[in-house]
Amino acid sequence: MSGAVNGPGDISTSEAVVIELPDADTTRAFGAALAGVLRSGDLVILTGDLGAGKTTLTQGIGAALNVRGQVASPTFIVAREHPPLPREDGTRGPGLVHVDAYRLGGLGELDALDLDSSLEDSVTVVEWGRGLAETLADDRLEIDLERPRGAAPVFDPGVETAEDPEAGTRKVTIRAVGPRWVGVDLRSLM
């Protein structure tokens, strides 16, 4: 991936990487592969409609980071911290802070979560974070997930347009922002 610096003080932004993930299992697998390049202090901003795969991707990241607790949508809790568990060799990787910014009313409410205290020790994933979470770090991954509606209907009596939440191809667009990501080949993840 190539980074471009536009001038003094500007942050570099990579070219977008676009991949297709055919189902929820490959979305989790991609999250696990992504965790392999993530380190403490990294910020990942996820954007996409309901059911696009934001939490599914985060589940893969959490599993590969070997964090405590089930990674689930933090919609009603807003933020969940998942501390790292010991690895087989006794070391610990970064923890995971999983934030859902959907219900936040603005930057003030994001600041009130006091995420700064855990940013350095954890990987922070913010769902619905576009337009808010960019202020948390100059270096970040911005990931857009798209999943076509109606791509995987299932029969459910009484529900006219039920969809299988595990099925359907997701189009994932990743943009790396900041010098931290210069030279990191995100294309090699899948």
Protein backbone atom coordinates (compact mmCIF):
# COMPACT_ATOMS: atom_id res chain seq x y z
CA MET A 1 0.00 0.00 0.00
CA SER A 2 1.24 3.42 -0.69
CA GLY A 3 0.89 6.41 1.57
CA ALA A 4 0.92 10.01 0.48
CA VAL A 5 1.90 12.98 2.56
CA ASN A 6 0.33 16.18 1.30
CA GLY A 7 2.48 18.65 3.16
CA PRO A 8 4.05 19.49 6.50
CA GLY A 9 1.91 18.27 9.36
CA ASP A 10 -0.54 16.41 7.09
CA ILE A 11 -1.26 12.80 7.81
CA SER A 12 -0.78 10.19 5.14
CA THR A 13 -3.72 8.29 3.77
CA SER A 14 -3.42 5.05 1.84
CA GLU A 15 -5.30 4.01 -1.24
CA ALA A 16 -8.48 2.14 -0.39
CA VAL A 17 -8.35 -1.64 -0.32
CA VAL A 18 -11.61 -3.33 -1.36
CA ILE A 19 -12.36 -6.97 -0.64
CA GLU A 20 -15.46 -9.14 -0.72
CA LEU A 21 -16.36 -11.46 2.12
CA PRO A 22 -19.00 -14.03 1.15
CA ASP A 23 -20.49 -14.63 4.61
CA ALA A 24 -20.24 -14.05 8.35
CA ASP A 25 -17.59 -16.74 8.84
CA THR A 26 -15.21 -15.13 6.36
CA THR A 27 -15.98 -11.74 7.92
CA ARG A 28 -14.86 -13.12 11.31
CA ALA A 29 -11.81 -14.70 9.64
CA PHE A 30 -10.92 -11.35 8.10
CA GLY A 31 -11.25 -9.73 11.54
CA ALA A 32 -8.86 -12.36 12.92
CA ALA A 33 -6.37 -11.69 10.11
CA LEU A 34 -6.69 -7.95 10.73
CA ALA A 35 -5.92 -8.51 14.42
CA GLY A 36 -2.55 -9.87 13.28
CA VAL A 37 -1.46 -6.37 12.22
CA LEU A 38 -3.18 -4.46 15.03
CA ARG A 39 -1.33 -3.38 18.14
CA SER A 40 -1.96 -1.43 21.32
CA GLY A 41 -3.06 2.10 20.53
CA ASP A 42 -4.66 1.29 17.17
CA LEU A 43 -8.05 2.77 16.31
CA VAL A 44 -10.46 1.06 13.91
CA ILE A 45 -13.57 2.96 12.80
CA LEU A 46 -16.35 0.77 11.34
CA THR A 47 -19.13 2.19 9.20
CA GLY A 48 -22.06 0.33 7.66
CA ASP A 49 -25.79 -0.20 7.82
CA LEU A 50 -27.45 -2.44 10.37
CA GLY A 51 -26.50 -6.03 9.61
CA ALA A 52 -23.51 -5.11 7.46
CA GLY A 53 -21.09 -7.07 9.65
CA LYS A 54 -19.48 -4.51 11.99
CA THR A 55 -19.90 -6.60 15.14
CA THR A 56 -19.10 -9.81 13.25
CA LEU A 57 -15.78 -8.31 12.12
CA THR A 58 -15.07 -7.18 15.69
CA GLN A 59 -15.76 -10.71 16.96
CA GLY A 60 -12.95 -11.96 14.73
CA ILE A 61 -10.61 -9.27 16.03
CA GLY A 62 -11.47 -10.11 19.65
CA ALA A 63 -11.01 -13.85 19.16
CA ALA A 64 -7.59 -13.40 17.56
CA LEU A 65 -6.49 -10.91 20.22
CA ASN A 66 -7.51 -13.51 22.83
CA VAL A 67 -9.59 -11.15 24.96
CA ARG A 68 -11.93 -11.99 27.82
CA GLY A 69 -15.69 -11.99 27.33
CA GLN A 70 -18.03 -12.43 24.42
CA VAL A 71 -17.73 -9.69 21.82
CA ALA A 72 -21.31 -8.59 21.20
CA SER A 73 -22.91 -5.42 19.92
CA PRO A 74 -22.44 -2.71 22.57
CA THR A 75 -25.50 -0.77 21.33
CA PHE A 76 -27.19 -0.35 24.70
CA ILE A 77 -24.00 -0.34 26.79
CA VAL A 78 -22.18 2.04 24.38
CA ALA A 79 -18.68 0.75 25.28
CA ARG A 80 -17.29 -2.59 26.43
CA GLU A 81 -13.76 -3.31 27.55
CA HIS A 82 -12.34 -6.77 26.93
CA PRO A 83 -9.05 -7.29 28.81
CA PRO A 84 -6.43 -9.55 27.26
CA LEU A 85 -6.10 -13.14 28.42
CA PRO A 86 -2.68 -14.81 28.71
CA ARG A 87 -1.36 -16.41 25.56
CA GLU A 88 0.16 -19.90 25.52
CA ASP A 89 3.60 -18.38 26.10
CA GLY A 90 2.35 -16.40 29.12
CA THR A 91 2.43 -12.98 27.42
CA ARG A 92 -0.60 -10.79 26.88
CA GLY A 93 -1.51 -8.84 23.78
CA PRO A 94 -3.59 -5.70 23.71
CA GLY A 95 -7.09 -5.56 25.13
CA LEU A 96 -10.11 -4.59 23.06
CA VAL A 97 -12.34 -1.58 23.62
CA HIS A 98 -15.53 -1.98 21.57
CA VAL A 99 -17.65 1.16 21.21
CA ASP A 100 -21.00 1.71 19.53
CA ALA A 101 -21.32 5.42 18.72
CA TYR A 102 -24.80 5.07 17.17
CA ARG A 103 -26.61 6.52 20.17
CA LEU A 104 -24.04 9.19 20.95
CA GLY A 105 -25.27 12.72 20.42
CA GLY A 106 -21.93 14.19 19.51
CA LEU A 107 -18.26 14.60 20.30
CA GLY A 108 -18.96 15.63 23.90
CA GLU A 109 -20.61 12.29 24.66
CA LEU A 110 -17.72 10.43 23.03
CA ASP A 111 -15.26 12.39 25.17
CA ALA A 112 -17.32 11.56 28.27
CA LEU A 113 -16.58 7.85 27.71
CA ASP A 114 -12.96 8.67 28.71
CA LEU A 115 -11.54 6.37 26.04
CA ASP A 116 -8.21 8.19 26.16
CA SER A 117 -7.27 6.25 29.28
CA SER A 118 -7.50 2.90 27.47
CA LEU A 119 -6.40 3.88 23.95
CA GLU A 120 -2.70 3.24 24.55
CA ASP A 121 -3.18 -0.24 26.02
CA SER A 122 -5.91 -1.55 23.74
CA VAL A 123 -7.14 -1.83 20.21
CA THR A 124 -10.20 0.43 20.02
CA VAL A 125 -12.98 -0.45 17.57
CA VAL A 126 -15.74 2.14 17.13
CA GLU A 127 -18.90 1.13 15.28
CA TRP A 128 -20.84 4.02 13.73
CA GLY A 129 -17.80 6.20 14.45
CA ARG A 130 -17.48 8.16 11.21
CA GLY A 131 -17.58 11.88 11.93
CA LEU A 132 -16.87 11.39 15.65
CA ALA A 133 -14.06 8.97 16.39
CA GLU A 134 -11.47 10.46 14.02
CA THR A 135 -10.53 12.88 16.82
CA LEU A 136 -9.36 9.99 19.02
CA ALA A 137 -6.20 9.30 16.96
CA ASP A 138 -4.35 10.64 13.95
CA ASP A 139 -3.52 7.05 12.93
CA ARG A 140 -6.50 4.83 12.25
CA LEU A 141 -8.16 2.32 9.97
CA GLU A 142 -11.46 3.40 8.47
CA ILE A 143 -13.47 0.37 7.35
CA ASP A 144 -16.77 0.59 5.46
CA LEU A 145 -18.90 -2.53 5.26
CA GLU A 146 -21.73 -2.94 2.76
CA ARG A 147 -24.11 -5.87 2.53
CA PRO A 148 -26.91 -5.80 -0.02
CA ARG A 149 -30.39 -5.98 1.43
CA GLY A 150 -32.42 -9.01 0.47
CA ALA A 151 -29.31 -10.95 -0.51
CA ALA A 152 -30.06 -13.91 1.71
CA PRO A 153 -33.76 -14.27 2.51
CA VAL A 154 -34.96 -16.94 4.91
CA PHE A 155 -38.46 -18.21 5.43
CA ASP A 156 -39.94 -16.99 8.69
CA PRO A 157 -43.72 -17.13 9.03
CA GLY A 158 -45.12 -13.77 9.99
CA VAL A 159 -42.05 -11.82 8.89
CA GLU A 160 -42.34 -10.54 5.36
CA THR A 161 -38.69 -9.75 4.59
CA ALA A 162 -36.59 -11.82 7.00
CA GLU A 163 -32.91 -12.14 6.15
CA ASP A 164 -30.31 -14.59 7.36
CA PRO A 165 -27.92 -12.37 9.38
CA GLU A 166 -25.04 -14.77 8.74
CA ALA A 167 -25.36 -14.88 4.93
CA GLY A 168 -24.75 -12.36 2.18
CA THR A 169 -21.57 -11.06 0.62
CA ARG A 170 -20.06 -8.05 2.35
CA LYS A 171 -18.04 -5.51 0.42
CA VAL A 172 -15.35 -4.15 2.72
CA THR A 173 -13.42 -0.97 1.94
CA ILE A 174 -10.40 -0.23 4.12
CA ARG A 175 -8.57 3.07 4.23
CA ALA A 176 -5.49 3.45 6.41
CA VAL A 177 -4.85 6.95 7.74
CA GLY A 178 -1.65 8.16 9.35
CA PRO A 179 2.03 7.31 9.33
CA ARG A 180 1.51 4.22 11.50
CA TRP A 181 0.06 2.43 8.47
CA VAL A 182 2.68 3.39 5.88
CA GLY A 183 4.23 0.15 4.64
CA VAL A 184 1.56 -2.13 6.17
CA ASP A 185 0.19 -4.33 3.40
CA LEU A 186 -3.52 -4.68 4.18
CA ARG A 187 -4.08 -6.44 0.83
CA SER A 188 -2.23 -9.48 2.16
CA LEU A 189 -4.83 -10.11 4.88
CA MET A 190 -7.18 -12.10 2.65
